């Protein structure tokens, strides 16, 4: 599963996913989409066959043809440990969902 992390999450999480978990992950900031409209992010994700990892579920509600991985930051540890915890959560989810359905996913 290819992932695109929304700007609410640290870029470091995408790097950890690539370097330590061998996952195909990008952060919106790495592809020039920091501050971009959600519709633009969604278009990029579709064109790259990527799931969008976001906390802003309602922002992507008009985009029903996306895989949305919904993660609440408050459920992650604060500070520097957050990127690693997010990477671990997403790696586990991606391994368990190699061919996810369109719509919302809530990894635990």
PDB file of N, CA and C in Angstrom:
ATOM      1  N   UNK A   1       0.846  -1.177   0.000  1.00  0.00           N
ATOM      2  CA  UNK A   1       0.000   0.000   0.000  1.00  0.00           C
ATOM      3  C   UNK A   1       0.885   1.232   0.000  1.00  0.00           C
ATOM      4  N   UNK A   2       0.635   2.112  -0.910  1.00  0.00           N
ATOM      5  CA  UNK A   2       1.369   3.376  -1.008  1.00  0.00           C
ATOM      6  C   UNK A   2       0.639   4.418  -0.171  1.00  0.00           C
ATOM      7  N   UNK A   3       1.394   5.181   0.606  1.00  0.00           N
ATOM      8  CA  UNK A   3       0.809   6.124   1.549  1.00  0.00           C
ATOM      9  C   UNK A   3       1.213   7.558   1.235  1.00  0.00           C
ATOM     10  N   UNK A   4       0.306   8.487   1.527  1.00  0.00           N
ATOM     11  CA  UNK A   4       0.572   9.919   1.445  1.00  0.00           C
ATOM     12  C   UNK A   4       0.126  10.536   2.759  1.00  0.00           C
ATOM     13  N   UNK A   5       1.077  11.021   3.553  1.00  0.00           N
ATOM     14  CA  UNK A   5       0.770  11.605   4.851  1.00  0.00           C
ATOM     15  C   UNK A   5       0.413  13.066   4.708  1.00  0.00           C
ATOM     16  N   UNK A   6      -0.698  13.441   5.321  1.00  0.00           N
ATOM     17  CA  UNK A   6      -1.181  14.811   5.317  1.00  0.00           C
ATOM     18  C   UNK A   6      -0.233  15.678   6.149  1.00  0.00           C
ATOM     19  N   UNK A   7      -0.342  16.991   5.973  1.00  0.00           N
ATOM     20  CA  UNK A   7       0.604  17.908   6.598  1.00  0.00           C
ATOM     21  C   UNK A   7       0.491  18.007   8.108  1.00  0.00           C
ATOM     22  N   UNK A   8      -0.548  17.466   8.704  1.00  0.00           N
ATOM     23  CA  UNK A   8      -0.651  17.473  10.163  1.00  0.00           C
ATOM     24  C   UNK A   8       0.395  16.585  10.819  1.00  0.00           C
ATOM     25  N   UNK A   9       0.898  15.643  10.062  1.00  0.00           N
ATOM     26  CA  UNK A   9       1.866  14.690  10.603  1.00  0.00           C
ATOM     27  C   UNK A   9       3.287  15.095  10.219  1.00  0.00           C
ATOM     28  N   UNK A  10       4.225  14.689  11.026  1.00  0.00           N
ATOM     29  CA  UNK A  10       5.633  15.023  10.804  1.00  0.00           C
ATOM     30  C   UNK A  10       6.174  14.311   9.559  1.00  0.00           C
ATOM     31  N   UNK A  11       6.988  15.036   8.815  1.00  0.00           N
ATOM     32  CA  UNK A  11       7.661  14.421   7.663  1.00  0.00           C
ATOM     33  C   UNK A  11       8.480  13.211   8.082  1.00  0.00           C
ATOM     34  N   UNK A  12       8.990  13.266   9.291  1.00  0.00           N
ATOM     35  CA  UNK A  12       9.841  12.180   9.786  1.00  0.00           C
ATOM     36  C   UNK A  12       9.116  10.839   9.762  1.00  0.00           C
ATOM     37  N   UNK A  13       7.804  10.842   9.926  1.00  0.00           N
ATOM     38  CA  UNK A  13       7.058   9.583   9.906  1.00  0.00           C
ATOM     39  C   UNK A  13       7.162   8.902   8.542  1.00  0.00           C
ATOM     40  N   UNK A  14       7.090   9.679   7.479  1.00  0.00           N
ATOM     41  CA  UNK A  14       7.242   9.102   6.133  1.00  0.00           C
ATOM     42  C   UNK A  14       8.650   8.541   5.948  1.00  0.00           C
ATOM     43  N   UNK A  15       9.639   9.254   6.459  1.00  0.00           N
ATOM     44  CA  UNK A  15      11.022   8.774   6.351  1.00  0.00           C
ATOM     45  C   UNK A  15      11.208   7.473   7.123  1.00  0.00           C
ATOM     46  N   UNK A  16      10.655   7.393   8.323  1.00  0.00           N
ATOM     47  CA  UNK A  16      10.755   6.158   9.114  1.00  0.00           C
ATOM     48  C   UNK A  16      10.060   5.015   8.385  1.00  0.00           C
ATOM     49  N   UNK A  17       8.906   5.275   7.812  1.00  0.00           N
ATOM     50  CA  UNK A  17       8.197   4.232   7.062  1.00  0.00           C
ATOM     51  C   UNK A  17       9.047   3.704   5.908  1.00  0.00           C
ATOM     52  N   UNK A  18       9.702   4.595   5.206  1.00  0.00           N
ATOM     53  CA  UNK A  18      10.544   4.164   4.070  1.00  0.00           C
ATOM     54  C   UNK A  18      11.795   3.443   4.539  1.00  0.00           C
ATOM     55  N   UNK A  19      12.500   4.066   5.472  1.00  0.00           N
ATOM     56  CA  UNK A  19      13.835   3.584   5.846  1.00  0.00           C
ATOM     57  C   UNK A  19      13.820   2.383   6.781  1.00  0.00           C
ATOM     58  N   UNK A  20      12.855   2.320   7.680  1.00  0.00           N
ATOM     59  CA  UNK A  20      12.858   1.241   8.664  1.00  0.00           C
ATOM     60  C   UNK A  20      11.831   0.151   8.383  1.00  0.00           C
ATOM     61  N   UNK A  21      10.781   0.501   7.657  1.00  0.00           N
ATOM     62  CA  UNK A  21       9.715  -0.471   7.420  1.00  0.00           C
ATOM     63  C   UNK A  21       9.536  -0.814   5.942  1.00  0.00           C
ATOM     64  N   UNK A  22      10.344  -0.225   5.096  1.00  0.00           N
ATOM     65  CA  UNK A  22      10.313  -0.503   3.660  1.00  0.00           C
ATOM     66  C   UNK A  22       8.918  -0.281   3.058  1.00  0.00           C
ATOM     67  N   UNK A  23       8.234   0.756   3.532  1.00  0.00           N
ATOM     68  CA  UNK A  23       6.924   1.120   3.005  1.00  0.00           C
ATOM     69  C   UNK A  23       7.083   2.280   2.017  1.00  0.00           C
ATOM     70  N   UNK A  24       6.253   2.302   1.023  1.00  0.00           N
ATOM     71  CA  UNK A  24       6.242   3.377   0.031  1.00  0.00           C
ATOM     72  C   UNK A  24       5.400   4.518   0.605  1.00  0.00           C
ATOM     73  N   UNK A  25       6.047   5.460   1.252  1.00  0.00           N
ATOM     74  CA  UNK A  25       5.340   6.549   1.935  1.00  0.00           C
ATOM     75  C   UNK A  25       5.955   7.892   1.573  1.00  0.00           C
ATOM     76  N   UNK A  26       5.084   8.859   1.373  1.00  0.00           N
ATOM     77  CA  UNK A  26       5.500  10.237   1.117  1.00  0.00           C
ATOM     78  C   UNK A  26       4.725  11.154   2.051  1.00  0.00           C
ATOM     79  N   UNK A  27       5.319  12.287   2.329  1.00  0.00           N
ATOM     80  CA  UNK A  27       4.645  13.347   3.069  1.00  0.00           C
ATOM     81  C   UNK A  27       4.286  14.420   2.049  1.00  0.00           C
ATOM     82  N   UNK A  28       3.145  15.084   2.231  1.00  0.00           N
ATOM     83  CA  UNK A  28       2.741  16.110   1.266  1.00  0.00           C
ATOM     84  C   UNK A  28       3.829  17.167   1.070  1.00  0.00           C
ATOM     85  N   UNK A  29       4.595  17.456   2.105  1.00  0.00           N
ATOM     86  CA  UNK A  29       5.670  18.433   1.994  1.00  0.00           C
ATOM     87  C   UNK A  29       6.812  17.992   1.094  1.00  0.00           C
ATOM     88  N   UNK A  30       6.955  16.697   0.915  1.00  0.00           N
ATOM     89  CA  UNK A  30       8.025  16.172   0.062  1.00  0.00           C
ATOM     90  C   UNK A  30       7.679  16.269  -1.419  1.00  0.00           C
ATOM     91  N   UNK A  31       6.414  16.468  -1.720  1.00  0.00           N
ATOM     92  CA  UNK A  31       5.974  16.514  -3.120  1.00  0.00           C
ATOM     93  C   UNK A  31       5.378  17.871  -3.479  1.00  0.00           C
ATOM     94  N   UNK A  32       5.699  18.880  -2.680  1.00  0.00           N
ATOM     95  CA  UNK A  32       5.267  20.244  -2.988  1.00  0.00           C
ATOM     96  C   UNK A  32       3.815  20.532  -2.720  1.00  0.00           C
ATOM     97  N   UNK A  33       3.185  19.769  -1.819  1.00  0.00           N
ATOM     98  CA  UNK A  33       1.769  19.971  -1.551  1.00  0.00           C
ATOM     99  C   UNK A  33       1.479  20.536  -0.154  1.00  0.00           C
ATOM    100  N   UNK A  34       2.481  21.064   0.522  1.00  0.00           N
ATOM    101  CA  UNK A  34       2.223  21.708   1.817  1.00  0.00           C
ATOM    102  C   UNK A  34       1.294  22.892   1.590  1.00  0.00           C
ATOM    103  N   UNK A  35       0.233  22.958   2.361  1.00  0.00           N
ATOM    104  CA  UNK A  35      -0.723  24.050   2.238  1.00  0.00           C
ATOM    105  C   UNK A  35      -1.664  23.942   1.053  1.00  0.00           C
ATOM    106  N   UNK A  36      -1.550  22.862   0.300  1.00  0.00           N
ATOM    107  CA  UNK A  36      -2.415  22.689  -0.879  1.00  0.00           C
ATOM    108  C   UNK A  36      -3.843  22.385  -0.451  1.00  0.00           C
ATOM    109  N   UNK A  37      -4.766  22.746  -1.294  1.00  0.00           N
ATOM    110  CA  UNK A  37      -6.171  22.431  -1.085  1.00  0.00           C
ATOM    111  C   UNK A  37      -6.329  20.912  -1.011  1.00  0.00           C
ATOM    112  N   UNK A  38      -7.260  20.445  -0.183  1.00  0.00           N
ATOM    113  CA  UNK A  38      -7.463  19.008  -0.019  1.00  0.00           C
ATOM    114  C   UNK A  38      -7.827  18.316  -1.323  1.00  0.00           C
ATOM    115  N   UNK A  39      -8.547  19.003  -2.205  1.00  0.00           N
ATOM    116  CA  UNK A  39      -8.895  18.418  -3.498  1.00  0.00           C
ATOM    117  C   UNK A  39      -7.641  18.161  -4.338  1.00  0.00           C
ATOM    118  N   UNK A  40      -6.651  19.030  -4.213  1.00  0.00           N
ATOM    119  CA  UNK A  40      -5.380  18.847  -4.936  1.00  0.00           C
ATOM    120  C   UNK A  40      -4.624  17.652  -4.353  1.00  0.00           C
ATOM    121  N   UNK A  41      -4.609  17.557  -3.028  1.00  0.00           N
ATOM    122  CA  UNK A  41      -3.972  16.410  -2.371  1.00  0.00           C
ATOM    123  C   UNK A  41      -4.664  15.120  -2.809  1.00  0.00           C
ATOM    124  N   UNK A  42      -5.980  15.132  -2.847  1.00  0.00           N
ATOM    125  CA  UNK A  42      -6.740  13.953  -3.256  1.00  0.00           C
ATOM    126  C   UNK A  42      -6.431  13.570  -4.703  1.00  0.00           C
ATOM    127  N   UNK A  43      -6.345  14.553  -5.576  1.00  0.00           N
ATOM    128  CA  UNK A  43      -6.023  14.278  -6.978  1.00  0.00           C
ATOM    129  C   UNK A  43      -4.646  13.642  -7.110  1.00  0.00           C
ATOM    130  N   UNK A  44      -3.684  14.177  -6.372  1.00  0.00           N
ATOM    131  CA  UNK A  44      -2.338  13.597  -6.383  1.00  0.00           C
ATOM    132  C   UNK A  44      -2.380  12.159  -5.866  1.00  0.00           C
ATOM    133  N   UNK A  45      -3.064  11.938  -4.758  1.00  0.00           N
ATOM    134  CA  UNK A  45      -3.141  10.590  -4.178  1.00  0.00           C
ATOM    135  C   UNK A  45      -3.747   9.602  -5.172  1.00  0.00           C
ATOM    136  N   UNK A  46      -4.829  10.013  -5.830  1.00  0.00           N
ATOM    137  CA  UNK A  46      -5.448   9.134  -6.834  1.00  0.00           C
ATOM    138  C   UNK A  46      -4.482   8.832  -7.972  1.00  0.00           C
ATOM    139  N   UNK A  47      -3.796   9.861  -8.452  1.00  0.00           N
ATOM    140  CA  UNK A  47      -2.888   9.662  -9.596  1.00  0.00           C
ATOM    141  C   UNK A  47      -1.722   8.747  -9.248  1.00  0.00           C
ATOM    142  N   UNK A  48      -1.354   8.718  -7.977  1.00  0.00           N
ATOM    143  CA  UNK A  48      -0.231   7.894  -7.519  1.00  0.00           C
ATOM    144  C   UNK A  48      -0.699   6.590  -6.862  1.00  0.00           C
ATOM    145  N   UNK A  49      -2.009   6.366  -6.829  1.00  0.00           N
ATOM    146  CA  UNK A  49      -2.582   5.183  -6.168  1.00  0.00           C
ATOM    147  C   UNK A  49      -2.108   5.097  -4.720  1.00  0.00           C
ATOM    148  N   UNK A  50      -2.292   6.215  -4.000  1.00  0.00           N
ATOM    149  CA  UNK A  50      -1.866   6.295  -2.606  1.00  0.00           C
ATOM    150  C   UNK A  50      -3.063   6.471  -1.690  1.00  0.00           C
ATOM    151  N   UNK A  51      -2.962   5.895  -0.512  1.00  0.00           N
ATOM    152  CA  UNK A  51      -3.933   6.145   0.553  1.00  0.00           C
ATOM    153  C   UNK A  51      -3.517   7.431   1.250  1.00  0.00           C
ATOM    154  N   UNK A  52      -4.484   8.256   1.583  1.00  0.00           N
ATOM    155  CA  UNK A  52      -4.213   9.502   2.307  1.00  0.00           C
ATOM    156  C   UNK A  52      -4.328   9.230   3.799  1.00  0.00           C
ATOM    157  N   UNK A  53      -3.266   9.546   4.524  1.00  0.00           N
ATOM    158  CA  UNK A  53      -3.256   9.421   5.979  1.00  0.00           C
ATOM    159  C   UNK A  53      -3.563  10.801   6.536  1.00  0.00           C
ATOM    160  N   UNK A  54      -4.675  10.918   7.254  1.00  0.00           N
ATOM    161  CA  UNK A  54      -5.109  12.230   7.716  1.00  0.00           C
ATOM    162  C   UNK A  54      -5.849  12.136   9.042  1.00  0.00           C
ATOM    163  N   UNK A  55      -5.938  13.258   9.707  1.00  0.00           N
ATOM    164  CA  UNK A  55      -6.799  13.399  10.870  1.00  0.00           C
ATOM    165  C   UNK A  55      -8.063  14.158  10.468  1.00  0.00           C
ATOM    166  N   UNK A  56      -7.984  14.884   9.382  1.00  0.00           N
ATOM    167  CA  UNK A  56      -9.083  15.740   8.912  1.00  0.00           C
ATOM    168  C   UNK A  56     -10.014  14.979   7.975  1.00  0.00           C
ATOM    169  N   UNK A  57     -10.751  14.076   8.536  1.00  0.00           N
ATOM    170  CA  UNK A  57     -11.624  13.226   7.751  1.00  0.00           C
ATOM    171  C   UNK A  57     -12.663  14.039   6.987  1.00  0.00           C
ATOM    172  N   UNK A  58     -13.246  15.022   7.631  1.00  0.00           N
ATOM    173  CA  UNK A  58     -14.291  15.805   6.973  1.00  0.00           C
ATOM    174  C   UNK A  58     -13.753  16.592   5.782  1.00  0.00           C
ATOM    175  N   UNK A  59     -12.467  16.947   5.809  1.00  0.00           N
ATOM    176  CA  UNK A  59     -11.875  17.664   4.677  1.00  0.00           C
ATOM    177  C   UNK A  59     -11.878  16.816   3.409  1.00  0.00           C
ATOM    178  N   UNK A  60     -11.809  15.508   3.586  1.00  0.00           N
ATOM    179  CA  UNK A  60     -11.753  14.613   2.437  1.00  0.00           C
ATOM    180  C   UNK A  60     -13.090  13.930   2.162  1.00  0.00           C
ATOM    181  N   UNK A  61     -14.136  14.306   2.889  1.00  0.00           N
ATOM    182  CA  UNK A  61     -15.463  13.706   2.695  1.00  0.00           C
ATOM    183  C   UNK A  61     -15.975  13.839   1.262  1.00  0.00           C
ATOM    184  N   UNK A  62     -15.689  14.942   0.552  1.00  0.00           N
ATOM    185  CA  UNK A  62     -16.166  15.040  -0.833  1.00  0.00           C
ATOM    186  C   UNK A  62     -15.400  14.135  -1.813  1.00  0.00           C
ATOM    187  N   UNK A  63     -14.456  13.388  -1.307  1.00  0.00           N
ATOM    188  CA  UNK A  63     -13.612  12.531  -2.157  1.00  0.00           C
ATOM    189  C   UNK A  63     -13.895  11.059  -1.855  1.00  0.00           C
ATOM    190  N   UNK A  64     -15.018  10.521  -2.290  1.00  0.00           N
ATOM    191  CA  UNK A  64     -15.394   9.159  -1.900  1.00  0.00           C
ATOM    192  C   UNK A  64     -14.553   8.057  -2.545  1.00  0.00           C
ATOM    193  N   UNK A  65     -13.782   8.405  -3.543  1.00  0.00           N
ATOM    194  CA  UNK A  65     -13.012   7.378  -4.257  1.00  0.00           C
ATOM    195  C   UNK A  65     -11.561   7.317  -3.808  1.00  0.00           C
ATOM    196  N   UNK A  66     -11.332   7.589  -2.529  1.00  0.00           N
ATOM    197  CA  UNK A  66     -10.001   7.510  -1.938  1.00  0.00           C
ATOM    198  C   UNK A  66      -9.979   6.479  -0.821  1.00  0.00           C
ATOM    199  N   UNK A  67      -8.800   5.938  -0.587  1.00  0.00           N
ATOM    200  CA  UNK A  67      -8.563   5.190   0.637  1.00  0.00           C
ATOM    201  C   UNK A  67      -8.084   6.215   1.652  1.00  0.00           C
ATOM    202  N   UNK A  68      -8.825   6.387   2.735  1.00  0.00           N
ATOM    203  CA  UNK A  68      -8.468   7.330   3.793  1.00  0.00           C
ATOM    204  C   UNK A  68      -8.087   6.554   5.042  1.00  0.00           C
ATOM    205  N   UNK A  69      -6.892   6.793   5.509  1.00  0.00           N
ATOM    206  CA  UNK A  69      -6.432   6.178   6.748  1.00  0.00           C
ATOM    207  C   UNK A  69      -6.520   7.262   7.810  1.00  0.00           C
ATOM    208  N   UNK A  70      -7.446   7.088   8.721  1.00  0.00           N
ATOM    209  CA  UNK A  70      -7.771   8.117   9.707  1.00  0.00           C
ATOM    210  C   UNK A  70      -7.039   7.846  11.010  1.00  0.00           C
ATOM    211  N   UNK A  71      -6.211   8.793  11.400  1.00  0.00           N
ATOM    212  CA  UNK A  71      -5.422   8.664  12.629  1.00  0.00           C
ATOM    213  C   UNK A  71      -5.584   9.951  13.425  1.00  0.00           C
ATOM    214  N   UNK A  72      -5.961   9.815  14.680  1.00  0.00           N
ATOM    215  CA  UNK A  72      -6.087  10.969  15.557  1.00  0.00           C
ATOM    216  C   UNK A  72      -4.766  11.185  16.294  1.00  0.00           C
ATOM    217  N   UNK A  73      -4.205  12.380  16.167  1.00  0.00           N
ATOM    218  CA  UNK A  73      -2.919  12.667  16.800  1.00  0.00           C
ATOM    219  C   UNK A  73      -2.978  12.482  18.310  1.00  0.00           C
ATOM    220  N   UNK A  74      -4.103  12.754  18.910  1.00  0.00           N
ATOM    221  CA  UNK A  74      -4.194  12.638  20.367  1.00  0.00           C
ATOM    222  C   UNK A  74      -4.019  11.197  20.841  1.00  0.00           C
ATOM    223  N   UNK A  75      -4.143  10.244  19.926  1.00  0.00           N
ATOM    224  CA  UNK A  75      -3.946   8.843  20.286  1.00  0.00           C
ATOM    225  C   UNK A  75      -2.489   8.415  20.127  1.00  0.00           C
ATOM    226  N   UNK A  76      -1.652   9.327  19.668  1.00  0.00           N
ATOM    227  CA  UNK A  76      -0.227   9.064  19.508  1.00  0.00           C
ATOM    228  C   UNK A  76       0.539   9.748  20.626  1.00  0.00           C
ATOM    229  N   UNK A  77       1.722   9.249  20.955  1.00  0.00           N
ATOM    230  CA  UNK A  77       2.508   9.927  21.985  1.00  0.00           C
ATOM    231  C   UNK A  77       2.934  11.314  21.508  1.00  0.00           C
ATOM    232  N   UNK A  78       3.098  12.247  22.437  1.00  0.00           N
ATOM    233  CA  UNK A  78       3.499  13.607  22.044  1.00  0.00           C
ATOM    234  C   UNK A  78       4.982  13.690  21.695  1.00  0.00           C
ATOM    235  N   UNK A  79       5.316  14.777  21.036  1.00  0.00           N
ATOM    236  CA  UNK A  79       6.718  15.095  20.773  1.00  0.00           C
ATOM    237  C   UNK A  79       7.399  14.174  19.784  1.00  0.00           C
ATOM    238  N   UNK A  80       8.680  13.959  20.007  1.00  0.00           N
ATOM    239  CA  UNK A  80       9.520  13.211  19.081  1.00  0.00           C
ATOM    240  C   UNK A  80       9.130  11.764  18.882  1.00  0.00           C
ATOM    241  N   UNK A  81       8.420  11.185  19.835  1.00  0.00           N
ATOM    242  CA  UNK A  81       8.019   9.781  19.704  1.00  0.00           C
ATOM    243  C   UNK A  81       6.845   9.597  18.749  1.00  0.00           C
ATOM    244  N   UNK A  82       6.201  10.688  18.361  1.00  0.00           N
ATOM    245  CA  UNK A  82       4.997  10.584  17.542  1.00  0.00           C
ATOM    246  C   UNK A  82       5.281  10.024  16.149  1.00  0.00           C
ATOM    247  N   UNK A  83       6.365  10.458  15.518  1.00  0.00           N
ATOM    248  CA  UNK A  83       6.662   9.989  14.159  1.00  0.00           C
ATOM    249  C   UNK A  83       6.877   8.481  14.135  1.00  0.00           C
ATOM    250  N   UNK A  84       7.625   7.975  15.092  1.00  0.00           N
ATOM    251  CA  UNK A  84       7.891   6.532  15.141  1.00  0.00           C
ATOM    252  C   UNK A  84       6.593   5.759  15.436  1.00  0.00           C
ATOM    253  N   UNK A  85       5.805   6.244  16.374  1.00  0.00           N
ATOM    254  CA  UNK A  85       4.556   5.558  16.718  1.00  0.00           C
ATOM    255  C   UNK A  85       3.606   5.538  15.518  1.00  0.00           C
ATOM    256  N   UNK A  86       3.526   6.644  14.788  1.00  0.00           N
ATOM    257  CA  UNK A  86       2.688   6.691  13.596  1.00  0.00           C
ATOM    258  C   UNK A  86       3.206   5.716  12.550  1.00  0.00           C
ATOM    259  N   UNK A  87       4.503   5.681  12.354  1.00  0.00           N
ATOM    260  CA  UNK A  87       5.100   4.762  11.377  1.00  0.00           C
ATOM    261  C   UNK A  87       4.792   3.314  11.739  1.00  0.00           C
ATOM    262  N   UNK A  88       4.903   2.972  13.000  1.00  0.00           N
ATOM    263  CA  UNK A  88       4.603   1.604  13.431  1.00  0.00           C
ATOM    264  C   UNK A  88       3.135   1.263  13.190  1.00  0.00           C
ATOM    265  N   UNK A  89       2.254   2.192  13.527  1.00  0.00           N
ATOM    266  CA  UNK A  89       0.818   1.986  13.322  1.00  0.00           C
ATOM    267  C   UNK A  89       0.503   1.788  11.838  1.00  0.00           C
ATOM    268  N   UNK A  90       1.060   2.639  10.994  1.00  0.00           N
ATOM    269  CA  UNK A  90       0.786   2.559   9.559  1.00  0.00           C
ATOM    270  C   UNK A  90       1.414   1.325   8.925  1.00  0.00           C
ATOM    271  N   UNK A  91       2.585   0.935   9.391  1.00  0.00           N
ATOM    272  CA  UNK A  91       3.209  -0.281   8.869  1.00  0.00           C
ATOM    273  C   UNK A  91       2.336  -1.492   9.182  1.00  0.00           C
ATOM    274  N   UNK A  92       1.851  -1.559  10.395  1.00  0.00           N
ATOM    275  CA  UNK A  92       0.975  -2.662  10.796  1.00  0.00           C
ATOM    276  C   UNK A  92      -0.304  -2.651   9.956  1.00  0.00           C
ATOM    277  N   UNK A  93      -0.907  -1.471   9.805  1.00  0.00           N
ATOM    278  CA  UNK A  93      -2.140  -1.370   9.020  1.00  0.00           C
ATOM    279  C   UNK A  93      -1.897  -1.789   7.565  1.00  0.00           C
ATOM    280  N   UNK A  94      -0.814  -1.290   6.964  1.00  0.00           N
ATOM    281  CA  UNK A  94      -0.516  -1.610   5.566  1.00  0.00           C
ATOM    282  C   UNK A  94      -0.277  -3.108   5.375  1.00  0.00           C
ATOM    283  N   UNK A  95       0.381  -3.725   6.336  1.00  0.00           N
ATOM    284  CA  UNK A  95       0.630  -5.163   6.248  1.00  0.00           C
ATOM    285  C   UNK A  95      -0.666  -5.959   6.335  1.00  0.00           C
ATOM    286  N   UNK A  96      -1.607  -5.470   7.146  1.00  0.00           N
ATOM    287  CA  UNK A  96      -2.881  -6.162   7.332  1.00  0.00           C
ATOM    288  C   UNK A  96      -3.892  -5.847   6.221  1.00  0.00           C
ATOM    289  N   UNK A  97      -3.622  -4.794   5.449  1.00  0.00           N
ATOM    290  CA  UNK A  97      -4.571  -4.345   4.418  1.00  0.00           C
ATOM    291  C   UNK A  97      -3.852  -4.107   3.089  1.00  0.00           C
ATOM    292  N   UNK A  98      -3.330  -5.151   2.470  1.00  0.00           N
ATOM    293  CA  UNK A  98      -2.583  -4.950   1.231  1.00  0.00           C
ATOM    294  C   UNK A  98      -3.439  -4.437   0.069  1.00  0.00           C
ATOM    295  N   UNK A  99      -4.735  -4.668   0.131  1.00  0.00           N
ATOM    296  CA  UNK A  99      -5.646  -4.220  -0.917  1.00  0.00           C
ATOM    297  C   UNK A  99      -6.880  -3.592  -0.269  1.00  0.00           C
ATOM    298  N   UNK A 100      -6.731  -2.409   0.342  1.00  0.00           N
ATOM    299  CA  UNK A 100      -7.833  -1.831   1.116  1.00  0.00           C
ATOM    300  C   UNK A 100      -8.981  -1.339   0.242  1.00  0.00           C
ATOM    301  N   UNK A 101     -10.166  -1.357   0.817  1.00  0.00           N
ATOM    302  CA  UNK A 101     -11.349  -0.837   0.140  1.00  0.00           C
ATOM    303  C   UNK A 101     -11.311   0.692   0.144  1.00  0.00           C
ATOM    304  N   UNK A 102     -12.042   1.312  -0.781  1.00  0.00           N
ATOM    305  CA  UNK A 102     -12.170   2.759  -0.796  1.00  0.00           C
ATOM    306  C   UNK A 102     -12.976   3.195   0.418  1.00  0.00           C
ATOM    307  N   UNK A 103     -12.603   4.308   1.002  1.00  0.00           N
ATOM    308  CA  UNK A 103     -13.307   4.825   2.156  1.00  0.00           C
ATOM    309  C   UNK A 103     -12.401   4.911   3.363  1.00  0.00           C
ATOM    310  N   UNK A 104     -13.012   5.077   4.518  1.00  0.00           N
ATOM    311  CA  UNK A 104     -12.279   5.323   5.752  1.00  0.00           C
ATOM    312  C   UNK A 104     -11.806   4.040   6.419  1.00  0.00           C
ATOM    313  N   UNK A 105     -10.589   4.108   6.912  1.00  0.00           N
ATOM    314  CA  UNK A 105      -9.990   3.033   7.705  1.00  0.00           C
ATOM    315  C   UNK A 105      -9.505   3.669   9.005  1.00  0.00           C
ATOM    316  N   UNK A 106      -9.685   2.982  10.116  1.00  0.00           N
ATOM    317  CA  UNK A 106      -9.277   3.483  11.419  1.00  0.00           C
ATOM    318  C   UNK A 106      -8.344   2.466  12.062  1.00  0.00           C
ATOM    319  N   UNK A 107      -7.041   2.559  11.754  1.00  0.00           N
ATOM    320  CA  UNK A 107      -6.109   1.574  12.339  1.00  0.00           C
ATOM    321  C   UNK A 107      -5.989   1.730  13.853  1.00  0.00           C
ATOM    322  N   UNK A 108      -5.785   0.617  14.511  1.00  0.00           N
ATOM    323  CA  UNK A 108      -5.620   0.635  15.977  1.00  0.00           C
ATOM    324  C   UNK A 108      -4.290   0.041  16.370  1.00  0.00           C
TER     325      UNK A 108
END
